[in-house]
Amino acid sequence: MKKKIKAGIPLSEVLRKDLKDPVFRKAFDEADIEARLAVQIALARDRAHMSQVQLAKKLGTKQQTISRIERGGQNLTLHTLWKISQAVKSKLIIELRPER
């Protein structure tokens, strides 16, 4: 008999609530690129209604790797970012903007 896994609260819902807190928002905005990118990947996966296991299968990797990516603990190449964007049906945009 398989255990039925209950779905948790979507990351997007948690972030929407947390970003209303000015202290959290300031820390989030000042987070390093790896942390911001990790959150964006997790949100994109959530929007695509995919689990870490499903994304890992599409990328030909393991769930543990996706978990590490979403924690900001994985150095990503542009090619890997592109593969992730394709898997979650998102557009990858990389820009260099002048500082204000």
Protein backbone atom coordinates (compact mmCIF):
# COMPACT_ATOMS: atom_id res chain seq x y z
CA MET A 1 0.00 0.00 0.00
CA LYS A 2 1.44 3.35 -1.04
CA LYS A 3 1.39 6.25 1.37
CA LYS A 4 -0.49 9.25 0.10
CA ILE A 5 1.72 12.32 0.23
CA LYS A 6 -0.03 15.51 1.23
CA ALA A 7 0.84 18.59 -0.74
CA GLY A 8 2.37 21.36 1.33
CA ILE A 9 2.00 25.09 0.99
CA PRO A 10 3.37 26.30 -2.37
CA LEU A 11 6.64 28.22 -2.13
CA SER A 12 5.10 31.14 -4.03
CA GLU A 13 2.47 31.51 -1.29
CA VAL A 14 5.06 31.42 1.48
CA LEU A 15 7.25 33.98 -0.30
CA ARG A 16 4.32 36.27 -1.06
CA LYS A 17 3.59 36.38 2.69
CA ASP A 18 7.23 36.68 3.78
CA LEU A 19 8.04 39.45 1.28
CA LYS A 20 5.47 41.69 2.99
CA ASP A 21 7.78 41.78 6.03
CA PRO A 22 10.16 44.73 5.46
CA VAL A 23 13.06 43.03 7.27
CA PHE A 24 12.69 39.84 5.21
CA ARG A 25 12.23 41.88 2.01
CA LYS A 26 15.43 43.85 2.60
CA ALA A 27 17.42 40.66 3.30
CA PHE A 28 15.91 38.96 0.25
CA ASP A 29 16.75 41.93 -2.01
CA GLU A 30 20.33 42.01 -0.72
CA ALA A 31 20.88 38.24 -0.93
CA ASP A 32 23.66 37.05 -3.16
CA ILE A 33 22.99 35.94 -6.71
CA GLU A 34 23.05 32.23 -5.86
CA ALA A 35 20.31 32.62 -3.25
CA ARG A 36 18.10 34.75 -5.51
CA LEU A 37 18.59 32.35 -8.40
CA ALA A 38 17.81 29.36 -6.17
CA VAL A 39 14.50 30.94 -5.16
CA GLN A 40 13.66 31.77 -8.78
CA ILE A 41 14.30 28.17 -9.84
CA ALA A 42 12.15 26.80 -7.01
CA LEU A 43 9.34 29.21 -7.91
CA ALA A 44 9.53 28.31 -11.60
CA ARG A 45 9.39 24.61 -10.73
CA ASP A 46 6.39 25.32 -8.49
CA ARG A 47 4.64 27.25 -11.29
CA ALA A 48 5.26 24.29 -13.61
CA HIS A 49 3.58 22.02 -11.01
CA MET A 50 6.67 19.82 -10.85
CA SER A 51 8.30 18.07 -7.93
CA GLN A 52 12.06 18.04 -7.48
CA VAL A 53 12.00 14.39 -8.59
CA GLN A 54 10.15 15.26 -11.81
CA LEU A 55 12.55 18.10 -12.62
CA ALA A 56 15.53 15.88 -11.90
CA LYS A 57 14.19 13.25 -14.32
CA LYS A 58 13.80 15.86 -17.07
CA LEU A 59 17.37 17.03 -16.50
CA GLY A 60 18.82 13.53 -16.22
CA THR A 61 20.02 14.07 -12.67
CA LYS A 62 19.03 13.19 -9.10
CA GLN A 63 16.53 14.84 -6.77
CA GLN A 64 19.39 15.62 -4.38
CA THR A 65 21.00 17.77 -7.08
CA ILE A 66 17.79 19.77 -7.55
CA SER A 67 17.55 20.22 -3.79
CA ARG A 68 21.13 21.52 -3.71
CA ILE A 69 20.37 23.89 -6.61
CA GLU A 70 17.29 25.23 -4.82
CA ARG A 71 19.33 25.81 -1.65
CA GLY A 72 21.88 27.85 -3.59
CA GLY A 73 24.56 25.25 -2.96
CA GLN A 74 25.32 24.37 -6.56
CA ASN A 75 27.46 26.37 -8.97
CA LEU A 76 25.37 26.46 -12.16
CA THR A 77 26.58 26.85 -15.72
CA LEU A 78 24.62 28.83 -18.27
CA HIS A 79 23.86 25.58 -20.06
CA THR A 80 22.35 24.07 -16.90
CA LEU A 81 20.29 27.21 -16.32
CA TRP A 82 19.04 26.97 -19.90
CA LYS A 83 18.11 23.28 -19.43
CA ILE A 84 16.23 24.13 -16.23
CA SER A 85 14.38 26.96 -17.96
CA GLN A 86 13.34 24.64 -20.78
CA ALA A 87 12.18 21.95 -18.33
CA VAL A 88 9.98 24.38 -16.39
CA LYS A 89 8.77 26.12 -19.56
CA SER A 90 10.30 29.48 -18.65
CA LYS A 91 12.33 32.02 -20.53
CA LEU A 92 15.94 32.49 -19.38
CA ILE A 93 16.97 36.15 -19.49
CA ILE A 94 20.44 37.25 -18.44
CA GLU A 95 21.21 40.95 -18.34
CA LEU A 96 23.98 43.25 -17.28
CA ARG A 97 22.48 46.49 -16.01
CA PRO A 98 24.39 49.58 -14.99
CA GLU A 99 24.42 50.24 -11.25
CA ARG A 100 22.35 53.16 -10.08
